N, C-alpha and C. Protein backbone atom coordinates (compact mmCIF):
# COMPACT_ATOMS: atom_id res chain seq x y z
N MET A 1 -34.22 5.08 22.32
CA MET A 1 -33.15 4.47 21.55
C MET A 1 -31.50 4.91 21.76
N ASP A 2 -31.04 4.10 22.10
CA ASP A 2 -29.54 4.41 22.52
C ASP A 2 -28.82 4.68 21.52
N ARG A 3 -27.10 5.53 21.66
CA ARG A 3 -26.39 5.91 20.53
C ARG A 3 -26.36 5.15 19.61
N ASP A 4 -25.88 3.79 19.83
CA ASP A 4 -25.80 2.55 18.93
C ASP A 4 -26.68 2.44 18.44
N GLU A 5 -27.74 2.23 18.47
CA GLU A 5 -29.39 2.04 17.84
C GLU A 5 -29.43 3.42 16.94
N GLN A 6 -28.86 4.36 17.23
CA GLN A 6 -29.07 5.36 16.31
C GLN A 6 -28.29 5.54 15.32
N ALA A 7 -27.20 5.08 15.41
CA ALA A 7 -25.83 5.28 14.75
C ALA A 7 -26.55 3.87 13.57
N TYR A 8 -26.96 2.95 14.17
CA TYR A 8 -27.31 2.19 13.33
C TYR A 8 -28.37 2.22 12.31
N ALA A 9 -28.91 2.75 12.48
CA ALA A 9 -30.15 3.71 12.00
C ALA A 9 -29.92 4.48 11.20
N LEU A 10 -28.50 5.08 11.07
CA LEU A 10 -28.49 6.46 10.15
C LEU A 10 -27.87 5.18 9.20
N PHE A 11 -27.20 4.26 9.47
CA PHE A 11 -26.19 3.48 8.80
C PHE A 11 -27.24 2.70 7.70
N ARG A 12 -28.65 2.25 8.62
CA ARG A 12 -29.25 1.64 7.40
C ARG A 12 -29.96 2.52 6.25
N GLN A 13 -30.11 3.96 7.01
CA GLN A 13 -30.71 5.03 6.05
C GLN A 13 -29.75 5.04 4.78
N ALA A 14 -28.58 5.25 4.92
CA ALA A 14 -27.89 5.42 3.99
C ALA A 14 -27.09 4.45 3.13
N LEU A 15 -26.98 2.93 3.46
CA LEU A 15 -26.88 2.46 2.87
C LEU A 15 -27.85 1.76 1.99
N VAL A 16 -28.94 1.12 3.43
CA VAL A 16 -29.97 0.46 2.62
C VAL A 16 -30.95 1.37 1.53
N HIS A 17 -31.35 2.56 2.31
CA HIS A 17 -32.41 3.26 1.42
C HIS A 17 -31.71 4.59 0.50
N ARG A 18 -30.26 4.30 0.44
CA ARG A 18 -29.45 5.05 0.07
C ARG A 18 -30.06 6.78 -0.01
N ASP A 19 -30.09 6.97 1.16
CA ASP A 19 -30.59 8.73 1.52
C ASP A 19 -29.36 9.39 2.07
N PRO A 20 -29.01 10.19 0.51
CA PRO A 20 -28.24 11.13 0.69
C PRO A 20 -28.05 12.01 1.63
N GLU A 21 -29.34 12.43 2.18
CA GLU A 21 -28.87 13.24 3.09
C GLU A 21 -28.22 12.50 4.46
N ALA A 22 -29.01 11.15 4.70
CA ALA A 22 -28.23 10.22 5.94
C ALA A 22 -26.95 10.42 5.58
N TRP A 23 -26.43 9.94 4.14
CA TRP A 23 -24.98 9.72 3.51
C TRP A 23 -24.04 10.80 4.13
N ARG A 24 -24.47 12.03 4.06
CA ARG A 24 -23.59 13.46 4.45
C ARG A 24 -23.59 13.48 5.89
N GLU A 25 -24.49 12.95 6.68
CA GLU A 25 -24.82 13.08 8.19
C GLU A 25 -23.89 12.02 8.50
N LEU A 26 -23.71 10.64 7.74
CA LEU A 26 -22.90 9.97 8.26
C LEU A 26 -21.33 10.61 8.42
N TYR A 27 -21.33 10.81 7.00
CA TYR A 27 -19.75 11.17 6.82
C TYR A 27 -19.06 12.09 7.46
N ALA A 28 -20.20 13.12 7.74
CA ALA A 28 -19.97 14.13 8.95
C ALA A 28 -19.63 13.63 10.29
N ARG A 29 -20.45 12.54 10.52
CA ARG A 29 -20.37 12.08 12.01
C ARG A 29 -18.67 11.13 11.98
N TYR A 30 -18.62 10.65 11.08
CA TYR A 30 -17.67 9.75 11.35
C TYR A 30 -16.06 9.77 10.29
N GLU A 31 -16.48 11.11 9.56
CA GLU A 31 -14.95 11.99 9.23
C GLU A 31 -13.88 12.05 9.78
N ASN A 32 -13.65 12.60 10.95
CA ASN A 32 -12.97 12.61 12.04
C ASN A 32 -12.23 11.14 12.22
N LEU A 33 -13.33 9.94 13.00
CA LEU A 33 -12.53 8.72 13.15
C LEU A 33 -12.20 8.35 12.20
N VAL A 34 -12.31 8.29 10.66
CA VAL A 34 -11.43 7.42 9.57
C VAL A 34 -10.21 8.74 9.12
N ALA A 35 -10.36 9.50 9.58
CA ALA A 35 -8.97 10.56 9.43
C ALA A 35 -8.01 9.92 10.43
N ALA A 36 -8.57 9.91 11.71
CA ALA A 36 -7.45 9.16 12.75
C ALA A 36 -6.96 7.73 12.41
N TRP A 37 -7.61 7.12 11.84
CA TRP A 37 -7.12 5.74 11.46
C TRP A 37 -6.25 5.74 10.28
N VAL A 38 -6.59 6.63 9.21
CA VAL A 38 -5.56 6.80 8.25
C VAL A 38 -4.06 7.52 9.02
N ARG A 39 -4.29 8.38 10.13
CA ARG A 39 -3.15 8.91 10.52
C ARG A 39 -2.05 7.97 11.32
N ARG A 40 -3.01 6.62 11.86
CA ARG A 40 -2.51 6.00 12.80
C ARG A 40 -1.69 5.21 11.93
N HIS A 41 -1.99 5.03 10.73
CA HIS A 41 -2.01 3.82 9.65
C HIS A 41 -0.33 3.86 9.43
N PRO A 42 0.36 2.29 9.84
CA PRO A 42 1.62 2.30 9.81
C PRO A 42 2.05 2.44 8.37
N TRP A 43 1.51 2.62 6.70
CA TRP A 43 1.72 2.66 5.70
C TRP A 43 1.33 4.22 4.84
N PHE A 44 0.88 4.91 5.79
CA PHE A 44 0.21 6.00 5.29
C PHE A 44 0.79 7.19 4.99
N LEU A 45 1.99 7.14 5.80
CA LEU A 45 2.99 8.23 5.37
C LEU A 45 3.68 7.97 4.30
N GLN A 46 3.69 6.30 3.59
CA GLN A 46 4.75 5.96 2.38
C GLN A 46 3.54 6.41 1.62
N THR A 47 2.76 6.61 1.10
CA THR A 47 1.75 6.62 0.36
C THR A 47 2.22 7.92 -0.34
N GLY A 48 2.20 9.29 0.39
CA GLY A 48 2.50 10.75 0.30
C GLY A 48 0.76 11.39 -0.40
N GLU A 49 -0.23 10.62 -0.05
CA GLU A 49 -1.27 11.37 -0.11
C GLU A 49 -1.72 11.87 0.98
N PRO A 50 -3.01 12.66 0.66
CA PRO A 50 -3.33 13.68 2.49
C PRO A 50 -4.08 12.66 2.90
N VAL A 51 -4.60 12.78 4.03
CA VAL A 51 -5.39 12.26 4.79
C VAL A 51 -6.66 12.36 4.06
N THR A 52 -7.66 13.24 3.26
CA THR A 52 -8.69 13.49 2.96
C THR A 52 -8.96 12.80 2.00
N PHE A 53 -7.48 11.89 1.00
CA PHE A 53 -7.84 11.35 0.07
C PHE A 53 -8.59 9.60 0.24
N PHE A 54 -7.71 9.46 1.73
CA PHE A 54 -8.31 7.86 2.10
C PHE A 54 -9.17 7.75 2.91
N VAL A 55 -9.78 9.01 3.25
CA VAL A 55 -11.08 9.02 3.82
C VAL A 55 -12.02 9.27 3.03
N ASN A 56 -12.18 9.88 1.98
CA ASN A 56 -13.04 9.79 0.76
C ASN A 56 -13.05 8.13 0.21
N ARG A 57 -12.04 7.66 -0.08
CA ARG A 57 -11.36 6.16 -0.16
C ARG A 57 -12.42 5.40 0.40
N ALA A 58 -12.22 5.62 1.73
CA ALA A 58 -12.70 4.43 2.96
C ALA A 58 -14.35 4.22 2.40
N PHE A 59 -14.87 5.72 2.30
CA PHE A 59 -16.60 6.11 2.69
C PHE A 59 -16.90 5.57 0.98
N ASP A 60 -16.05 6.18 0.17
CA ASP A 60 -16.28 5.04 -1.58
C ASP A 60 -16.62 3.62 -1.22
N ARG A 61 -15.69 2.85 -0.23
CA ARG A 61 -15.74 1.44 -0.69
C ARG A 61 -16.87 1.22 0.31
N LEU A 62 -17.03 1.51 1.47
CA LEU A 62 -18.56 1.35 2.23
C LEU A 62 -19.55 1.51 1.42
N HIS A 63 -19.97 2.64 0.54
CA HIS A 63 -20.99 2.62 -0.08
C HIS A 63 -21.23 1.78 -1.08
N SER A 64 -20.06 1.30 -1.96
CA SER A 64 -19.81 0.31 -3.29
C SER A 64 -20.55 -1.27 -2.53
N ALA A 65 -19.82 -1.36 -1.25
CA ALA A 65 -19.56 -2.44 -1.09
C ALA A 65 -20.44 -3.16 -0.46
N VAL A 66 -21.04 -2.69 0.58
CA VAL A 66 -22.47 -2.58 1.61
C VAL A 66 -24.13 -2.26 0.80
N ASP A 67 -24.57 -3.12 -0.16
CA ASP A 67 -25.66 -3.21 -0.58
C ASP A 67 -26.47 -3.43 0.24
N PRO A 68 -28.39 -3.29 0.08
CA PRO A 68 -29.27 -3.88 0.91
C PRO A 68 -29.20 -5.04 1.41
N GLU A 69 -28.40 -6.12 0.45
CA GLU A 69 -28.46 -7.29 0.64
C GLU A 69 -27.55 -7.69 1.69
N LYS A 70 -26.25 -7.25 1.75
CA LYS A 70 -24.94 -7.28 2.30
C LYS A 70 -25.01 -6.49 3.77
N PHE A 71 -26.29 -5.52 3.78
CA PHE A 71 -26.27 -4.75 5.40
C PHE A 71 -26.72 -5.94 6.02
N ARG A 72 -27.77 -6.43 6.00
CA ARG A 72 -28.08 -7.83 6.66
C ARG A 72 -26.75 -8.56 7.88
N ARG A 73 -25.68 -8.90 7.08
CA ARG A 73 -24.57 -9.08 7.29
C ARG A 73 -24.06 -8.56 8.91
N PHE A 74 -24.29 -7.40 8.87
CA PHE A 74 -24.06 -6.27 10.28
C PHE A 74 -25.20 -6.07 10.86
N PRO A 75 -25.03 -6.48 12.43
CA PRO A 75 -25.75 -6.63 13.27
C PRO A 75 -25.97 -5.39 14.09
N ASN A 76 -25.23 -4.59 14.01
CA ASN A 76 -25.24 -3.47 14.69
C ASN A 76 -23.96 -2.40 14.44
N ALA A 77 -23.97 -1.35 14.77
CA ALA A 77 -23.17 0.03 14.61
C ALA A 77 -21.70 -0.42 14.41
N PRO A 78 -21.31 -0.94 15.90
CA PRO A 78 -19.75 -1.74 15.94
C PRO A 78 -19.32 -2.25 14.91
N SER A 79 -20.15 -3.02 14.31
CA SER A 79 -19.74 -4.22 13.07
C SER A 79 -19.38 -3.35 12.01
N LEU A 80 -20.21 -2.18 11.70
CA LEU A 80 -20.35 -1.38 10.72
C LEU A 80 -18.91 -0.54 10.59
N LEU A 81 -18.74 -0.05 12.20
CA LEU A 81 -17.61 0.49 11.73
C LEU A 81 -16.31 -0.18 12.04
N ARG A 82 -16.48 -1.45 12.19
CA ARG A 82 -14.95 -2.35 11.82
C ARG A 82 -14.76 -2.46 10.36
N TYR A 83 -15.78 -2.81 9.72
CA TYR A 83 -15.84 -2.79 8.53
C TYR A 83 -15.24 -1.62 7.56
N LEU A 84 -16.12 -0.54 8.25
CA LEU A 84 -15.14 1.02 7.77
C LEU A 84 -13.90 1.36 7.99
N LYS A 85 -13.36 0.89 9.08
CA LYS A 85 -11.84 0.72 9.33
C LYS A 85 -11.11 -0.27 8.15
N MET A 86 -11.89 -1.48 8.27
CA MET A 86 -10.85 -2.50 6.98
C MET A 86 -10.90 -1.85 5.70
N CYS A 87 -12.02 -1.05 5.50
CA CYS A 87 -12.01 -0.48 4.13
C CYS A 87 -10.88 0.66 4.03
N THR A 88 -10.70 1.02 4.94
CA THR A 88 -9.68 2.42 5.47
C THR A 88 -8.39 1.84 5.21
N HIS A 89 -7.88 0.52 6.03
CA HIS A 89 -6.86 0.04 5.90
C HIS A 89 -6.49 -0.24 4.23
N THR A 90 -7.57 -1.09 3.50
CA THR A 90 -7.33 -1.78 2.06
C THR A 90 -7.30 -0.33 1.49
N ALA A 91 -7.76 1.17 1.75
CA ALA A 91 -7.57 1.86 0.82
C ALA A 91 -6.10 2.27 0.45
N ILE A 92 -5.62 2.07 2.20
CA ILE A 92 -3.58 2.67 1.65
C ILE A 92 -3.18 1.22 1.55
N LEU A 93 -3.54 0.22 1.42
CA LEU A 93 -2.86 -0.86 1.04
C LEU A 93 -3.14 -1.11 -0.62
N ASP A 94 -4.01 -0.49 -1.16
CA ASP A 94 -4.40 -0.18 -2.77
C ASP A 94 -3.09 0.53 -3.27
N VAL A 95 -3.13 1.73 -2.03
CA VAL A 95 -2.49 2.48 -3.13
C VAL A 95 -0.57 2.39 -2.87
N VAL A 96 -0.42 1.54 -1.56
CA VAL A 96 0.93 1.18 -1.93
C VAL A 96 1.44 0.39 -2.53
N ARG A 97 0.18 -1.04 -2.88
CA ARG A 97 0.92 -1.97 -4.05
C ARG A 97 0.92 -1.27 -5.26
N GLN A 98 -0.27 -0.19 -5.74
CA GLN A 98 -0.08 0.34 -7.18
C GLN A 98 1.34 1.08 -7.07
N GLN A 99 1.70 1.78 -6.12
CA GLN A 99 2.85 2.57 -6.19
C GLN A 99 4.36 1.27 -6.37
N GLU A 100 4.34 0.31 -5.48
CA GLU A 100 5.06 -1.06 -5.82
C GLU A 100 5.25 -1.39 -7.21
N ARG A 101 3.83 -1.18 -7.54
CA ARG A 101 3.86 -2.18 -9.40
C ARG A 101 4.34 -0.97 -10.14
N ARG A 102 4.16 0.36 -9.96
CA ARG A 102 4.50 1.40 -10.79
C ARG A 102 6.20 1.21 -11.00
N ALA A 103 6.79 1.11 -9.30
CA ALA A 103 8.20 1.09 -9.49
C ALA A 103 8.73 0.23 -9.95
N PHE A 104 8.20 -1.19 -10.39
CA PHE A 104 8.50 -2.23 -10.65
C PHE A 104 8.46 -1.97 -12.41
N GLU A 105 7.98 -1.11 -13.15
CA GLU A 105 7.40 -1.06 -14.45
C GLU A 105 8.37 0.19 -14.96
N GLU A 106 8.58 1.38 -14.14
CA GLU A 106 9.89 2.38 -14.24
C GLU A 106 10.98 2.20 -13.85
N PRO A 107 11.82 2.17 -15.12
CA PRO A 107 13.26 2.13 -14.41
C PRO A 107 13.87 3.24 -13.30
N LEU A 108 14.58 3.15 -12.39
CA LEU A 108 15.66 3.79 -11.26
C LEU A 108 15.75 5.18 -12.47
N GLN A 109 15.73 6.03 -11.42
CA GLN A 109 15.95 7.53 -12.30
C GLN A 109 17.56 7.49 -12.08
N VAL A 110 18.27 8.32 -12.70
CA VAL A 110 19.70 8.29 -11.81
C VAL A 110 19.74 9.84 -12.11
N SER A 111 21.14 10.17 -11.54
CA SER A 111 21.55 11.55 -11.12
C SER A 111 21.97 12.07 -12.35
N GLU A 112 21.79 13.03 -12.84
CA GLU A 112 22.72 13.94 -14.22
C GLU A 112 23.56 13.65 -14.09
N ALA A 113 24.48 12.94 -15.51
CA ALA A 113 25.39 13.50 -15.62
C ALA A 113 26.15 14.20 -16.44
N ALA A 114 27.43 14.77 -16.20
CA ALA A 114 27.92 15.91 -17.15
C ALA A 114 28.27 15.20 -18.48
N ASP A 115 28.44 14.51 -18.80
CA ASP A 115 28.55 13.86 -20.16
C ASP A 115 27.13 13.04 -20.75
N PRO A 116 26.39 13.27 -21.68
CA PRO A 116 25.10 12.75 -22.36
C PRO A 116 25.35 11.51 -22.48
N GLU A 117 26.48 10.70 -22.93
CA GLU A 117 26.81 9.56 -23.43
C GLU A 117 26.93 9.16 -22.03
N GLU A 118 27.69 9.44 -20.65
CA GLU A 118 27.59 8.60 -19.73
C GLU A 118 26.27 8.18 -18.91
N GLU A 119 25.26 9.56 -18.94
CA GLU A 119 24.08 9.50 -18.75
C GLU A 119 23.04 8.28 -19.51
N ALA A 120 23.72 8.41 -20.47
CA ALA A 120 22.85 7.45 -21.39
C ALA A 120 23.04 5.73 -21.02
N VAL A 121 24.61 5.53 -21.24
CA VAL A 121 25.32 4.44 -20.38
C VAL A 121 24.53 4.20 -19.06
N ALA A 122 24.43 4.96 -18.34
CA ALA A 122 24.19 4.52 -17.00
C ALA A 122 22.79 4.09 -16.60
N ASN A 123 21.92 5.25 -17.48
CA ASN A 123 20.34 4.77 -17.59
C ASN A 123 20.29 3.43 -18.39
N LEU A 124 21.10 2.86 -19.39
CA LEU A 124 20.46 1.46 -20.16
C LEU A 124 21.13 0.71 -18.90
N GLN A 125 21.92 1.05 -18.17
CA GLN A 125 22.56 -0.14 -16.80
C GLN A 125 21.64 -0.13 -15.84
N ARG A 126 21.30 0.90 -15.49
CA ARG A 126 20.03 0.99 -14.15
C ARG A 126 18.91 -0.02 -14.99
N GLU A 127 18.59 0.06 -16.21
CA GLU A 127 17.28 -0.36 -16.71
C GLU A 127 17.62 -1.65 -17.00
N GLU A 128 18.92 -2.13 -17.41
CA GLU A 128 19.33 -3.79 -17.13
C GLU A 128 19.09 -4.30 -15.69
N VAL A 129 19.72 -3.55 -14.53
CA VAL A 129 19.64 -3.87 -13.25
C VAL A 129 18.25 -4.07 -13.01
N TRP A 130 17.28 -3.21 -13.15
CA TRP A 130 15.93 -3.19 -12.46
C TRP A 130 15.01 -4.05 -12.96
N SER A 131 15.24 -4.72 -14.70
CA SER A 131 14.87 -5.52 -15.20
C SER A 131 15.23 -6.90 -14.51
N ALA A 132 16.66 -7.16 -14.25
CA ALA A 132 16.65 -8.39 -13.52
C ALA A 132 16.40 -8.43 -12.75
N VAL A 133 16.28 -7.46 -11.51
CA VAL A 133 15.79 -7.21 -10.22
C VAL A 133 13.98 -7.83 -10.32
N SER A 134 13.28 -7.36 -11.12
CA SER A 134 12.19 -7.21 -11.59
C SER A 134 11.44 -8.72 -11.96
N SER A 135 12.49 -9.49 -12.45
CA SER A 135 12.25 -11.02 -13.20
C SER A 135 12.83 -11.62 -11.93
N LEU A 136 13.29 -11.35 -11.16
CA LEU A 136 13.64 -12.74 -10.01
C LEU A 136 12.75 -12.45 -8.59
N VAL A 137 11.85 -11.31 -8.87
CA VAL A 137 10.77 -11.20 -7.99
C VAL A 137 9.52 -12.31 -7.84
N GLN A 138 9.45 -13.24 -6.81
CA GLN A 138 8.73 -14.30 -7.11
C GLN A 138 6.99 -14.19 -6.24
N ASP A 139 7.31 -13.45 -5.36
CA ASP A 139 5.81 -13.04 -4.24
C ASP A 139 5.47 -11.83 -3.94
N GLU A 140 4.53 -12.07 -3.32
CA GLU A 140 4.20 -10.52 -2.60
C GLU A 140 5.21 -9.84 -1.60
N ARG A 141 5.96 -11.29 -0.99
CA ARG A 141 7.21 -10.69 -0.03
C ARG A 141 8.52 -10.46 -0.39
N GLU A 142 8.66 -11.09 -1.42
CA GLU A 142 9.53 -10.41 -2.00
C GLU A 142 9.46 -8.75 -2.45
N ARG A 143 8.24 -9.06 -2.98
CA ARG A 143 7.90 -7.63 -4.00
C ARG A 143 8.15 -6.22 -3.01
N VAL A 144 7.56 -6.58 -1.58
CA VAL A 144 7.71 -5.73 -0.71
C VAL A 144 9.23 -5.72 0.32
N LEU A 145 9.92 -6.67 -0.03
CA LEU A 145 11.40 -6.39 0.24
C LEU A 145 12.05 -5.57 -0.72
N VAL A 146 12.08 -5.74 -1.76
CA VAL A 146 12.82 -5.32 -2.88
C VAL A 146 12.25 -3.35 -2.89
N TYR A 147 10.82 -3.51 -2.97
CA TYR A 147 10.34 -1.76 -2.75
C TYR A 147 10.88 -1.24 -1.69
N GLY A 148 10.88 -1.94 -0.42
CA GLY A 148 11.03 -1.45 1.06
C GLY A 148 12.51 -1.22 0.74
N THR A 149 13.64 -1.94 0.58
CA THR A 149 14.73 -2.01 0.48
C THR A 149 15.52 -0.99 -0.47
N PHE A 150 15.12 -1.20 -2.00
CA PHE A 150 15.72 0.14 -2.99
C PHE A 150 14.88 0.76 -3.14
N VAL A 151 13.69 1.26 -3.33
CA VAL A 151 12.78 2.34 -3.85
C VAL A 151 12.61 3.21 -2.76
N CYS A 152 12.27 2.65 -1.05
CA CYS A 152 11.99 3.07 -0.14
C CYS A 152 13.07 3.48 0.26
N GLY A 153 14.35 2.84 0.60
CA GLY A 153 15.51 3.07 1.36
C GLY A 153 14.90 2.83 2.77
N PHE A 154 13.96 1.99 2.88
CA PHE A 154 13.66 1.37 4.34
C PHE A 154 14.88 0.24 5.28
N THR A 155 15.13 0.76 6.47
CA THR A 155 15.83 -0.03 7.24
C THR A 155 14.93 -1.37 7.16
N PRO A 156 15.88 -2.88 7.78
CA PRO A 156 15.38 -3.83 8.39
C PRO A 156 13.94 -3.75 8.70
N GLN A 157 14.68 -2.72 9.89
CA GLN A 157 13.71 -2.64 11.26
C GLN A 157 12.35 -2.00 10.34
N GLU A 158 12.44 -1.09 9.82
CA GLU A 158 11.18 -0.30 9.11
C GLU A 158 10.17 -1.37 8.77
N ILE A 159 10.83 -2.38 7.61
CA ILE A 159 10.09 -2.93 6.94
C ILE A 159 9.26 -4.11 7.54
N CYS A 160 9.69 -4.53 8.51
CA CYS A 160 9.12 -5.47 9.50
C CYS A 160 8.29 -4.82 10.60
N GLN A 161 8.32 -3.72 10.45
CA GLN A 161 7.68 -2.79 11.50
C GLN A 161 6.42 -2.47 10.34
N ARG A 162 6.52 -2.10 9.23
CA ARG A 162 5.29 -1.82 8.36
C ARG A 162 4.70 -3.19 8.17
N ARG A 163 5.21 -4.66 7.78
CA ARG A 163 4.84 -5.57 6.98
C ARG A 163 5.48 -6.64 8.14
N PRO A 164 4.74 -6.79 9.59
CA PRO A 164 5.00 -8.20 10.25
C PRO A 164 4.72 -9.39 9.83
N ASP A 165 3.03 -9.11 9.03
CA ASP A 165 2.82 -10.41 8.52
C ASP A 165 3.51 -11.12 7.38
N LEU A 166 4.86 -10.60 7.00
CA LEU A 166 5.89 -11.00 5.82
C LEU A 166 6.84 -11.26 6.64
N PHE A 167 7.01 -9.96 7.60
CA PHE A 167 8.79 -10.36 8.17
C PHE A 167 8.61 -10.21 9.70
N PRO A 168 8.35 -11.47 10.24
CA PRO A 168 8.34 -11.21 11.82
C PRO A 168 9.01 -10.23 12.75
N SER A 169 10.63 -10.15 12.26
CA SER A 169 11.79 -9.80 12.78
C SER A 169 12.78 -8.95 11.90
N PRO A 170 13.92 -8.34 12.27
CA PRO A 170 14.28 -7.79 11.07
C PRO A 170 15.48 -8.66 10.91
N GLU A 171 15.92 -9.71 11.55
CA GLU A 171 16.80 -11.10 10.96
C GLU A 171 15.86 -11.74 9.98
N ALA A 172 14.68 -11.65 9.93
CA ALA A 172 13.95 -12.40 8.56
C ALA A 172 14.24 -11.09 7.47
N VAL A 173 14.41 -10.12 7.56
CA VAL A 173 14.48 -9.14 6.27
C VAL A 173 16.16 -9.72 5.95
N TYR A 174 17.01 -9.38 6.90
CA TYR A 174 18.30 -9.84 6.38
C TYR A 174 18.32 -10.69 6.02
N LEU A 175 17.83 -11.96 6.53
CA LEU A 175 17.65 -13.53 4.87
C LEU A 175 17.36 -13.39 3.73
N ALA A 176 15.97 -12.82 4.05
CA ALA A 176 15.08 -12.61 2.64
C ALA A 176 16.21 -11.79 1.46
N LYS A 177 17.04 -10.47 2.26
CA LYS A 177 17.36 -9.60 1.47
C LYS A 177 19.27 -10.50 1.16
N ARG A 178 19.25 -11.21 1.66
CA ARG A 178 20.65 -12.01 1.43
C ARG A 178 20.59 -12.97 0.30
N ASN A 179 19.26 -13.86 0.28
CA ASN A 179 18.84 -14.64 -0.51
C ASN A 179 18.63 -14.27 -1.77
N PHE A 180 17.98 -12.99 -1.67
CA PHE A 180 17.35 -12.38 -3.13
C PHE A 180 18.37 -11.90 -3.64
N LEU A 181 19.72 -11.20 -2.75
CA LEU A 181 20.90 -10.67 -3.44
C LEU A 181 22.06 -11.95 -4.04
N GLN A 182 21.84 -12.89 -3.62
CA GLN A 182 22.66 -14.13 -3.76
C GLN A 182 22.03 -14.65 -5.15
N ARG A 183 20.47 -14.82 -5.63
CA ARG A 183 20.16 -15.12 -6.90
C ARG A 183 20.20 -14.01 -7.81
N LEU A 184 20.09 -12.37 -7.45
CA LEU A 184 20.34 -11.66 -8.39
C LEU A 184 21.73 -11.57 -9.02
N ARG A 185 22.93 -12.28 -7.94
CA ARG A 185 24.50 -11.87 -8.55
C ARG A 185 24.47 -13.26 -9.47
N ARG A 186 23.54 -14.24 -9.28
CA ARG A 186 23.55 -15.18 -10.12
C ARG A 186 23.09 -14.98 -11.89
N HIS A 187 22.09 -14.03 -11.96
CA HIS A 187 21.67 -13.56 -13.12
C HIS A 187 22.10 -13.48 -14.17
N PRO A 188 21.97 -13.81 -15.44
CA PRO A 188 22.73 -13.60 -16.48
C PRO A 188 23.24 -12.06 -16.88
N ARG A 189 22.42 -11.08 -16.41
CA ARG A 189 22.46 -9.72 -17.06
C ARG A 189 23.41 -9.12 -16.00
N ILE A 190 23.01 -9.46 -14.56
CA ILE A 190 23.82 -9.11 -14.08
C ILE A 190 25.52 -9.07 -13.87
N GLN A 191 25.55 -10.68 -14.47
CA GLN A 191 27.22 -11.15 -14.73
C GLN A 191 27.61 -10.34 -15.98
N ALA A 192 26.56 -10.12 -16.64
CA ALA A 192 27.43 -9.68 -17.77
C ALA A 192 27.88 -8.17 -18.02
N LEU A 193 26.99 -7.67 -16.94
CA LEU A 193 27.09 -5.91 -16.24
C LEU A 193 28.32 -5.64 -15.73
N ARG A 194 29.10 -6.59 -14.67
CA ARG A 194 29.57 -6.75 -13.62
C ARG A 194 31.42 -6.98 -14.79
N THR A 195 31.08 -8.29 -15.67
CA THR A 195 32.21 -8.38 -16.45
C THR A 195 32.53 -7.21 -17.51
N SER A 196 31.37 -6.55 -17.74
CA SER A 196 31.66 -5.40 -18.82
C SER A 196 32.20 -4.24 -18.01
N GLY A 197 31.82 -3.96 -16.75
CA GLY A 197 32.36 -2.97 -15.95
C GLY A 197 33.42 -3.52 -15.48
């Protein structure tokens, strides 16, 4: 039995027969490989989570997704490793999306003002702006744009490097940002704030 066959047999024992000892051995064998995938992922540093967090998440996903019935879809060990790599990507993407959603649900924080009244007014204005921004976001592409630009402070180059599926070039980010800001300026809340300011 060659190495691939041995690995496939280990996957089978862990996922089909749900053998705890085989699962521990599988984890020990591929933990470093999954950790390397995590470290190389373009969004990993953005999450703020440790490597082990995503290693565990990836294995959890594999264990819950591949039952004895679904195991038949995988003809060999390399196909299972490709799926484990996809689980790693999905685990990171889930955290990034959760952070994006939280950013839209929680108003941006302002630095402390010397005057409590000024601080209260500033907070209200920030909430108004963030509420207007959130209401204008139409799809995943705009959500990534807004989160990357205004929450993370990424440059257009960094945004297109992280999400080339949505933004093939920095110019695409500039164009999307310009269009979004034009819509934002026309928003009634923003116009009211500009008038009152």
